[in-house]
Amino acid sequence: QSLSPTLGTLPEVTEADVVFLALHGGQGEDGTVQAL
């Protein structure tokens, strides 16, 4: 049920001045979210 594929479209992301990444392991730390 993960929202990861749509993260780049969410207003909480696109309208933020900065995203603070507190994800550990998996897609949060392997560069996937960073590339998005």
Full PDB file with SEQRES, HELIX, SHEET, SSBOND, CRYST1, ORIGX, SCALE, CONECT and MASTER records, all heavy atoms in Angstrom:
SEQRES   1 A   36  GLN SER LEU SER PRO THR LEU GLY THR LEU PRO GLU VAL          
SEQRES   2 A   36  THR GLU ALA ASP VAL VAL PHE LEU ALA LEU HIS GLY GLY          
SEQRES   3 A   36  GLN GLY GLU ASP GLY THR VAL GLN ALA LEU                      
HELIX    1 AA1 SER A    4  THR A    9  5                                   6    
HELIX    2 AA2 PRO A   11  THR A   14  1                                   4    
HELIX    3 AA3 GLY A   26  GLU A   29  1                                   4    
HELIX    4 AA4 THR A   32  ALA A   35  1                                   4    
CRYST1    1.000    1.000    1.000  90.00  90.00  90.00 P 1           1          
ORIGX1      1.000000  0.000000  0.000000        0.00000                         
ORIGX2      0.000000  1.000000  0.000000        0.00000                         
ORIGX3      0.000000  0.000000  1.000000        0.00000                         
SCALE1      1.000000  0.000000  0.000000        0.00000                         
SCALE2      0.000000  1.000000  0.000000        0.00000                         
SCALE3      0.000000  0.000000  1.000000        0.00000                         
ATOM      1  N   GLN A   1       0.819  -1.218   0.000  1.00  0.00           N  
ATOM      2  CA  GLN A   1       0.000   0.000   0.000  1.00  0.00           C  
ATOM      3  C   GLN A   1       0.851   1.266   0.000  1.00  0.00           C  
ATOM      4  O   GLN A   1       0.338   2.367   0.197  1.00  0.00           O  
ATOM      5  CB  GLN A   1      -0.890   0.011   1.243  1.00  0.00           C  
ATOM      6  CG  GLN A   1      -1.742  -1.241   1.413  1.00  0.00           C  
ATOM      7  CD  GLN A   1      -2.499  -1.221   2.726  1.00  0.00           C  
ATOM      8  OE1 GLN A   1      -3.312  -0.349   2.981  1.00  0.00           O  
ATOM      9  NE2 GLN A   1      -2.227  -2.200   3.571  1.00  0.00           N  
ATOM     10  N   SER A   2       2.147   1.139  -0.231  1.00  0.00           N  
ATOM     11  CA  SER A   2       3.066   2.266  -0.112  1.00  0.00           C  
ATOM     12  C   SER A   2       2.734   3.398  -1.085  1.00  0.00           C  
ATOM     13  O   SER A   2       2.341   3.169  -2.237  1.00  0.00           O  
ATOM     14  CB  SER A   2       4.501   1.791  -0.350  1.00  0.00           C  
ATOM     15  OG  SER A   2       5.393   2.880  -0.361  1.00  0.00           O  
ATOM     16  N   LEU A   3       2.930   4.612  -0.611  1.00  0.00           N  
ATOM     17  CA  LEU A   3       2.730   5.803  -1.438  1.00  0.00           C  
ATOM     18  C   LEU A   3       3.995   6.182  -2.213  1.00  0.00           C  
ATOM     19  O   LEU A   3       3.984   7.165  -2.960  1.00  0.00           O  
ATOM     20  CB  LEU A   3       2.345   6.993  -0.545  1.00  0.00           C  
ATOM     21  CG  LEU A   3       1.044   6.878   0.246  1.00  0.00           C  
ATOM     22  CD1 LEU A   3       0.930   8.059   1.206  1.00  0.00           C  
ATOM     23  CD2 LEU A   3      -0.151   6.846  -0.688  1.00  0.00           C  
ATOM     24  N   SER A   4       5.068   5.418  -2.040  1.00  0.00           N  
ATOM     25  CA  SER A   4       6.352   5.789  -2.639  1.00  0.00           C  
ATOM     26  C   SER A   4       6.273   6.124  -4.126  1.00  0.00           C  
ATOM     27  O   SER A   4       6.877   7.100  -4.575  1.00  0.00           O  
ATOM     28  CB  SER A   4       7.382   4.676  -2.404  1.00  0.00           C  
ATOM     29  OG  SER A   4       7.684   4.567  -1.031  1.00  0.00           O  
ATOM     30  N   PRO A   5       5.531   5.348  -4.956  1.00  0.00           N  
ATOM     31  CA  PRO A   5       5.491   5.681  -6.384  1.00  0.00           C  
ATOM     32  C   PRO A   5       4.888   7.051  -6.686  1.00  0.00           C  
ATOM     33  O   PRO A   5       5.129   7.619  -7.753  1.00  0.00           O  
ATOM     34  CB  PRO A   5       4.624   4.556  -6.975  1.00  0.00           C  
ATOM     35  CG  PRO A   5       4.728   3.429  -6.001  1.00  0.00           C  
ATOM     36  CD  PRO A   5       4.811   4.087  -4.666  1.00  0.00           C  
ATOM     37  N   THR A   6       4.091   7.592  -5.766  1.00  0.00           N  
ATOM     38  CA  THR A   6       3.420   8.872  -6.017  1.00  0.00           C  
ATOM     39  C   THR A   6       3.995  10.017  -5.185  1.00  0.00           C  
ATOM     40  O   THR A   6       3.442  11.123  -5.197  1.00  0.00           O  
ATOM     41  CB  THR A   6       1.911   8.741  -5.713  1.00  0.00           C  
ATOM     42  OG1 THR A   6       1.727   8.431  -4.319  1.00  0.00           O  
ATOM     43  CG2 THR A   6       1.274   7.657  -6.562  1.00  0.00           C  
ATOM     44  N   LEU A   7       5.097   9.789  -4.481  1.00  0.00           N  
ATOM     45  CA  LEU A   7       5.639  10.812  -3.589  1.00  0.00           C  
ATOM     46  C   LEU A   7       5.878  12.131  -4.316  1.00  0.00           C  
ATOM     47  O   LEU A   7       5.626  13.211  -3.783  1.00  0.00           O  
ATOM     48  CB  LEU A   7       6.956  10.338  -2.961  1.00  0.00           C  
ATOM     49  CG  LEU A   7       6.869   9.444  -1.726  1.00  0.00           C  
ATOM     50  CD1 LEU A   7       8.260   9.078  -1.250  1.00  0.00           C  
ATOM     51  CD2 LEU A   7       6.100  10.136  -0.605  1.00  0.00           C  
ATOM     52  N   GLY A   8       6.375  12.037  -5.539  1.00  0.00           N  
ATOM     53  CA  GLY A   8       6.717  13.233  -6.290  1.00  0.00           C  
ATOM     54  C   GLY A   8       5.530  14.072  -6.707  1.00  0.00           C  
ATOM     55  O   GLY A   8       5.706  15.188  -7.222  1.00  0.00           O  
ATOM     56  N   THR A   9       4.319  13.576  -6.491  1.00  0.00           N  
ATOM     57  CA  THR A   9       3.115  14.333  -6.867  1.00  0.00           C  
ATOM     58  C   THR A   9       2.372  14.889  -5.658  1.00  0.00           C  
ATOM     59  O   THR A   9       1.436  15.666  -5.821  1.00  0.00           O  
ATOM     60  CB  THR A   9       2.138  13.438  -7.661  1.00  0.00           C  
ATOM     61  OG1 THR A   9       1.636  12.404  -6.792  1.00  0.00           O  
ATOM     62  CG2 THR A   9       2.832  12.792  -8.849  1.00  0.00           C  
ATOM     63  N   LEU A  10       2.776  14.501  -4.467  1.00  0.00           N  
ATOM     64  CA  LEU A  10       2.055  14.911  -3.260  1.00  0.00           C  
ATOM     65  C   LEU A  10       2.382  16.360  -2.912  1.00  0.00           C  
ATOM     66  O   LEU A  10       3.557  16.762  -2.907  1.00  0.00           O  
ATOM     67  CB  LEU A  10       2.426  14.008  -2.082  1.00  0.00           C  
ATOM     68  CG  LEU A  10       2.114  12.507  -2.249  1.00  0.00           C  
ATOM     69  CD1 LEU A  10       2.574  11.743  -1.022  1.00  0.00           C  
ATOM     70  CD2 LEU A  10       0.623  12.301  -2.486  1.00  0.00           C  
ATOM     71  N   PRO A  11       1.377  17.165  -2.585  1.00  0.00           N  
ATOM     72  CA  PRO A  11       1.636  18.573  -2.248  1.00  0.00           C  
ATOM     73  C   PRO A  11       2.546  18.740  -1.034  1.00  0.00           C  
ATOM     74  O   PRO A  11       3.286  19.723  -0.942  1.00  0.00           O  
ATOM     75  CB  PRO A  11       0.238  19.149  -1.987  1.00  0.00           C  
ATOM     76  CG  PRO A  11      -0.646  17.963  -1.729  1.00  0.00           C  
ATOM     77  CD  PRO A  11      -0.068  16.853  -2.541  1.00  0.00           C  
ATOM     78  N   GLU A  12       2.492  17.777  -0.103  1.00  0.00           N  
ATOM     79  CA  GLU A  12       3.382  17.852   1.065  1.00  0.00           C  
ATOM     80  C   GLU A  12       4.850  17.816   0.644  1.00  0.00           C  
ATOM     81  O   GLU A  12       5.725  18.303   1.366  1.00  0.00           O  
ATOM     82  CB  GLU A  12       3.102  16.694   2.032  1.00  0.00           C  
ATOM     83  CG  GLU A  12       1.779  16.778   2.752  1.00  0.00           C  
ATOM     84  CD  GLU A  12       0.612  16.285   1.902  1.00  0.00           C  
ATOM     85  OE1 GLU A  12       0.863  15.699   0.818  1.00  0.00           O  
ATOM     86  OE2 GLU A  12      -0.545  16.486   2.324  1.00  0.00           O  
ATOM     87  N   VAL A  13       5.118  17.221  -0.525  1.00  0.00           N  
ATOM     88  CA  VAL A  13       6.478  17.173  -1.060  1.00  0.00           C  
ATOM     89  C   VAL A  13       6.735  18.349  -1.998  1.00  0.00           C  
ATOM     90  O   VAL A  13       7.698  19.111  -1.838  1.00  0.00           O  
ATOM     91  CB  VAL A  13       6.734  15.835  -1.786  1.00  0.00           C  
ATOM     92  CG1 VAL A  13       8.069  15.859  -2.537  1.00  0.00           C  
ATOM     93  CG2 VAL A  13       6.709  14.689  -0.790  1.00  0.00           C  
ATOM     94  N   THR A  14       5.877  18.524  -2.992  1.00  0.00           N  
ATOM     95  CA  THR A  14       6.138  19.525  -4.032  1.00  0.00           C  
ATOM     96  C   THR A  14       6.071  20.959  -3.511  1.00  0.00           C  
ATOM     97  O   THR A  14       6.710  21.859  -4.069  1.00  0.00           O  
ATOM     98  CB  THR A  14       5.137  19.370  -5.190  1.00  0.00           C  
ATOM     99  OG1 THR A  14       3.798  19.510  -4.694  1.00  0.00           O  
ATOM    100  CG2 THR A  14       5.279  17.993  -5.838  1.00  0.00           C  
ATOM    101  N   GLU A  15       5.313  21.194  -2.446  1.00  0.00           N  
ATOM    102  CA  GLU A  15       5.178  22.552  -1.914  1.00  0.00           C  
ATOM    103  C   GLU A  15       6.102  22.827  -0.730  1.00  0.00           C  
ATOM    104  O   GLU A  15       6.072  23.916  -0.149  1.00  0.00           O  
ATOM    105  CB  GLU A  15       3.722  22.800  -1.507  1.00  0.00           C  
ATOM    106  CG  GLU A  15       2.752  22.740  -2.689  1.00  0.00           C  
ATOM    107  CD  GLU A  15       1.295  22.850  -2.262  1.00  0.00           C  
ATOM    108  OE1 GLU A  15       1.047  23.191  -1.085  1.00  0.00           O  
ATOM    109  OE2 GLU A  15       0.408  22.588  -3.107  1.00  0.00           O  
ATOM    110  N   ALA A  16       6.929  21.869  -0.365  1.00  0.00           N  
ATOM    111  CA  ALA A  16       7.853  22.045   0.753  1.00  0.00           C  
ATOM    112  C   ALA A  16       9.071  22.865   0.321  1.00  0.00           C  
ATOM    113  O   ALA A  16       9.523  22.780  -0.821  1.00  0.00           O  
ATOM    114  CB  ALA A  16       8.312  20.689   1.284  1.00  0.00           C  
ATOM    115  N   ASP A  17       9.599  23.656   1.246  1.00  0.00           N  
ATOM    116  CA  ASP A  17      10.865  24.349   0.994  1.00  0.00           C  
ATOM    117  C   ASP A  17      12.016  23.349   1.006  1.00  0.00           C  
ATOM    118  O   ASP A  17      13.008  23.511   0.291  1.00  0.00           O  
ATOM    119  CB  ASP A  17      11.113  25.417   2.065  1.00  0.00           C  
ATOM    120  CG  ASP A  17      10.097  26.550   1.996  1.00  0.00           C  
ATOM    121  OD1 ASP A  17       9.654  26.885   0.885  1.00  0.00           O  
ATOM    122  OD2 ASP A  17       9.739  27.093   3.062  1.00  0.00           O  
ATOM    123  N   VAL A  18      11.877  22.341   1.834  1.00  0.00           N  
ATOM    124  CA  VAL A  18      12.898  21.300   1.941  1.00  0.00           C  
ATOM    125  C   VAL A  18      12.255  20.047   2.534  1.00  0.00           C  
ATOM    126  O   VAL A  18      11.335  20.138   3.348  1.00  0.00           O  
ATOM    127  CB  VAL A  18      14.089  21.776   2.818  1.00  0.00           C  
ATOM    128  CG1 VAL A  18      13.645  22.066   4.233  1.00  0.00           C  
ATOM    129  CG2 VAL A  18      15.219  20.757   2.817  1.00  0.00           C  
ATOM    130  N   VAL A  19      12.725  18.897   2.087  1.00  0.00           N  
ATOM    131  CA  VAL A  19      12.304  17.622   2.657  1.00  0.00           C  
ATOM    132  C   VAL A  19      13.424  17.116   3.561  1.00  0.00           C  
ATOM    133  O   VAL A  19      14.574  16.997   3.126  1.00  0.00           O  
ATOM    134  CB  VAL A  19      11.993  16.586   1.560  1.00  0.00           C  
ATOM    135  CG1 VAL A  19      11.784  15.196   2.172  1.00  0.00           C  
ATOM    136  CG2 VAL A  19      10.759  17.003   0.774  1.00  0.00           C  
ATOM    137  N   PHE A  20      13.080  16.852   4.815  1.00  0.00           N  
ATOM    138  CA  PHE A  20      14.059  16.295   5.751  1.00  0.00           C  
ATOM    139  C   PHE A  20      13.901  14.778   5.711  1.00  0.00           C  
ATOM    140  O   PHE A  20      12.876  14.238   6.114  1.00  0.00           O  
ATOM    141  CB  PHE A  20      13.820  16.818   7.172  1.00  0.00           C  
ATOM    142  CG  PHE A  20      15.015  16.695   8.068  1.00  0.00           C  
ATOM    143  CD1 PHE A  20      15.580  17.824   8.652  1.00  0.00           C  
ATOM    144  CD2 PHE A  20      15.599  15.459   8.325  1.00  0.00           C  
ATOM    145  CE1 PHE A  20      16.688  17.730   9.485  1.00  0.00           C  
ATOM    146  CE2 PHE A  20      16.718  15.350   9.137  1.00  0.00           C  
ATOM    147  CZ  PHE A  20      17.259  16.493   9.717  1.00  0.00           C  
ATOM    148  N   LEU A  21      14.909  14.106   5.202  1.00  0.00           N  
ATOM    149  CA  LEU A  21      14.854  12.651   5.066  1.00  0.00           C  
ATOM    150  C   LEU A  21      15.238  11.985   6.382  1.00  0.00           C  
ATOM    151  O   LEU A  21      16.382  12.045   6.812  1.00  0.00           O  
ATOM    152  CB  LEU A  21      15.788  12.191   3.949  1.00  0.00           C  
ATOM    153  CG  LEU A  21      15.382  12.615   2.537  1.00  0.00           C  
ATOM    154  CD1 LEU A  21      16.446  12.196   1.525  1.00  0.00           C  
ATOM    155  CD2 LEU A  21      14.034  12.024   2.160  1.00  0.00           C  
ATOM    156  N   ALA A  22      14.260  11.351   7.010  1.00  0.00           N  
ATOM    157  CA  ALA A  22      14.504  10.593   8.228  1.00  0.00           C  
ATOM    158  C   ALA A  22      14.257   9.107   7.982  1.00  0.00           C  
ATOM    159  O   ALA A  22      14.057   8.336   8.911  1.00  0.00           O  
ATOM    160  CB  ALA A  22      13.609  11.095   9.356  1.00  0.00           C  
ATOM    161  N   LEU A  23      14.238   8.723   6.703  1.00  0.00           N  
ATOM    162  CA  LEU A  23      14.063   7.314   6.342  1.00  0.00           C  
ATOM    163  C   LEU A  23      15.389   6.581   6.522  1.00  0.00           C  
ATOM    164  O   LEU A  23      16.446   7.109   6.178  1.00  0.00           O  
ATOM    165  CB  LEU A  23      13.595   7.197   4.887  1.00  0.00           C  
ATOM    166  CG  LEU A  23      12.226   7.823   4.578  1.00  0.00           C  
ATOM    167  CD1 LEU A  23      12.041   7.951   3.070  1.00  0.00           C  
ATOM    168  CD2 LEU A  23      11.112   6.994   5.191  1.00  0.00           C  
ATOM    169  N   HIS A  24      15.334   5.377   7.045  1.00  0.00           N  
ATOM    170  CA  HIS A  24      16.543   4.564   7.222  1.00  0.00           C  
ATOM    171  C   HIS A  24      16.375   3.255   6.463  1.00  0.00           C  
ATOM    172  O   HIS A  24      15.334   2.596   6.554  1.00  0.00           O  
ATOM    173  CB  HIS A  24      16.779   4.255   8.702  1.00  0.00           C  
ATOM    174  CG  HIS A  24      16.912   5.476   9.568  1.00  0.00           C  
ATOM    175  ND1 HIS A  24      17.681   6.562   9.210  1.00  0.00           N  
ATOM    176  CD2 HIS A  24      16.374   5.782  10.778  1.00  0.00           C  
ATOM    177  CE1 HIS A  24      17.615   7.480  10.162  1.00  0.00           C  
ATOM    178  NE2 HIS A  24      16.823   7.025  11.124  1.00  0.00           N  
ATOM    179  N   GLY A  25      17.389   2.875   5.720  1.00  0.00           N  
ATOM    180  CA  GLY A  25      17.341   1.624   4.974  1.00  0.00           C  
ATOM    181  C   GLY A  25      16.400   1.716   3.777  1.00  0.00           C  
ATOM    182  O   GLY A  25      15.711   2.710   3.556  1.00  0.00           O  
ATOM    183  N   GLY A  26      16.385   0.666   2.979  1.00  0.00           N  
ATOM    184  CA  GLY A  26      15.450   0.555   1.862  1.00  0.00           C  
ATOM    185  C   GLY A  26      15.538   1.725   0.895  1.00  0.00           C  
ATOM    186  O   GLY A  26      16.596   2.317   0.685  1.00  0.00           O  
ATOM    187  N   GLN A  27      14.384   2.077   0.307  1.00  0.00           N  
ATOM    188  CA  GLN A  27      14.350   3.126  -0.704  1.00  0.00           C  
ATOM    189  C   GLN A  27      14.670   4.502  -0.140  1.00  0.00           C  
ATOM    190  O   GLN A  27      15.043   5.401  -0.891  1.00  0.00           O  
ATOM    191  CB  GLN A  27      12.971   3.149  -1.368  1.00  0.00           C  
ATOM    192  CG  GLN A  27      12.671   1.910  -2.200  1.00  0.00           C  
ATOM    193  CD  GLN A  27      11.310   1.979  -2.872  1.00  0.00           C  
ATOM    194  OE1 GLN A  27      10.432   2.720  -2.440  1.00  0.00           O  
ATOM    195  NE2 GLN A  27      11.141   1.204  -3.930  1.00  0.00           N  
ATOM    196  N   GLY A  28      14.545   4.681   1.162  1.00  0.00           N  
ATOM    197  CA  GLY A  28      14.847   5.975   1.750  1.00  0.00           C  
ATOM    198  C   GLY A  28      16.318   6.281   1.828  1.00  0.00           C  
ATOM    199  O   GLY A  28      16.717   7.441   1.898  1.00  0.00           O  
ATOM    200  N   GLU A  29      17.141   5.237   1.839  1.00  0.00           N  
ATOM    201  CA  GLU A  29      18.575   5.451   2.025  1.00  0.00           C  
ATOM    202  C   GLU A  29      19.394   4.960   0.841  1.00  0.00           C  
ATOM    203  O   GLU A  29      20.602   5.177   0.803  1.00  0.00           O  
ATOM    204  CB  GLU A  29      19.042   4.769   3.318  1.00  0.00           C  
ATOM    205  CG  GLU A  29      20.297   5.350   3.904  1.00  0.00           C  
ATOM    206  CD  GLU A  29      20.557   4.922   5.341  1.00  0.00           C  
ATOM    207  OE1 GLU A  29      19.710   4.227   5.933  1.00  0.00           O  
ATOM    208  OE2 GLU A  29      21.602   5.304   5.877  1.00  0.00           O  
ATOM    209  N   ASP A  30      18.754   4.306  -0.131  1.00  0.00           N  
ATOM    210  CA  ASP A  30      19.526   3.726  -1.234  1.00  0.00           C  
ATOM    211  C   ASP A  30      19.591   4.621  -2.465  1.00  0.00           C  
ATOM    212  O   ASP A  30      20.047   4.203  -3.519  1.00  0.00           O  
ATOM    213  CB  ASP A  30      18.960   2.346  -1.614  1.00  0.00           C  
ATOM    214  CG  ASP A  30      17.575   2.411  -2.241  1.00  0.00           C  
ATOM    215  OD1 ASP A  30      17.036   3.521  -2.421  1.00  0.00           O  
ATOM    216  OD2 ASP A  30      17.025   1.332  -2.558  1.00  0.00           O  
ATOM    217  N   GLY A  31      19.117   5.852  -2.348  1.00  0.00           N  
ATOM    218  CA  GLY A  31      19.174   6.787  -3.458  1.00  0.00           C  
ATOM    219  C   GLY A  31      17.890   6.904  -4.250  1.00  0.00           C  
ATOM    220  O   GLY A  31      17.738   7.828  -5.053  1.00  0.00           O  
ATOM    221  N   THR A  32      16.937   6.002  -4.043  1.00  0.00           N  
ATOM    222  CA  THR A  32      15.695   6.009  -4.819  1.00  0.00           C  
ATOM    223  C   THR A  32      14.871   7.264  -4.550  1.00  0.00           C  
ATOM    224  O   THR A  32      14.471   7.975  -5.481  1.00  0.00           O  
ATOM    225  CB  THR A  32      14.858   4.757  -4.493  1.00  0.00           C  
ATOM    226  OG1 THR A  32      15.629   3.584  -4.766  1.00  0.00           O  
ATOM    227  CG2 THR A  32      13.595   4.721  -5.338  1.00  0.00           C  
ATOM    228  N   VAL A  33      14.609   7.546  -3.281  1.00  0.00           N  
ATOM    229  CA  VAL A  33      13.832   8.737  -2.929  1.00  0.00           C  
ATOM    230  C   VAL A  33      14.603  10.002  -3.302  1.00  0.00           C  
ATOM    231  O   VAL A  33      14.029  10.986  -3.784  1.00  0.00           O  
ATOM    232  CB  VAL A  33      13.470   8.729  -1.431  1.00  0.00           C  
ATOM    233  CG1 VAL A  33      12.869  10.069  -1.006  1.00  0.00           C  
ATOM    234  CG2 VAL A  33      12.493   7.600  -1.137  1.00  0.00           C  
ATOM    235  N   GLN A  34      15.924   9.982  -3.122  1.00  0.00           N  
ATOM    236  CA  GLN A  34      16.736  11.138  -3.473  1.00  0.00           C  
ATOM    237  C   GLN A  34      16.628  11.453  -4.965  1.00  0.00           C  
ATOM    238  O   GLN A  34      16.513  12.624  -5.360  1.00  0.00           O  
ATOM    239  CB  GLN A  34      18.201  10.879  -3.094  1.00  0.00           C  
ATOM    240  CG  GLN A  34      18.472  10.875  -1.599  1.00  0.00           C  
ATOM    241  CD  GLN A  34      18.159   9.559  -0.914  1.00  0.00           C  
ATOM    242  OE1 GLN A  34      17.584   8.640  -1.499  1.00  0.00           O  
ATOM    243  NE2 GLN A  34      18.548   9.448   0.338  1.00  0.00           N  
ATOM    244  N   ALA A  35      16.667  10.406  -5.800  1.00  0.00           N  
ATOM    245  CA  ALA A  35      16.546  10.618  -7.247  1.00  0.00           C  
ATOM    246  C   ALA A  35      15.176  11.187  -7.602  1.00  0.00           C  
ATOM    247  O   ALA A  35      15.058  12.073  -8.468  1.00  0.00           O  
ATOM    248  CB  ALA A  35      16.785   9.301  -7.989  1.00  0.00           C  
ATOM    249  N   LEU A  36      14.132  10.696  -6.947  1.00  0.00           N  
ATOM    250  CA  LEU A  36      12.786  11.201  -7.193  1.00  0.00           C  
ATOM    251  C   LEU A  36      12.699  12.687  -6.838  1.00  0.00           C  
ATOM    252  O   LEU A  36      12.134  13.494  -7.588  1.00  0.00           O  
ATOM    253  CB  LEU A  36      11.784  10.392  -6.379  1.00  0.00           C  
ATOM    254  CG  LEU A  36      10.292  10.700  -6.545  1.00  0.00           C  
ATOM    255  CD1 LEU A  36       9.472   9.451  -6.267  1.00  0.00           C  
ATOM    256  CD2 LEU A  36       9.835  11.818  -5.608  1.00  0.00           C  
TER     257      LEU A  36                                                      
MASTER        0    0    0    4    0    0    0    6  256    1    0    3          
END                                                                             
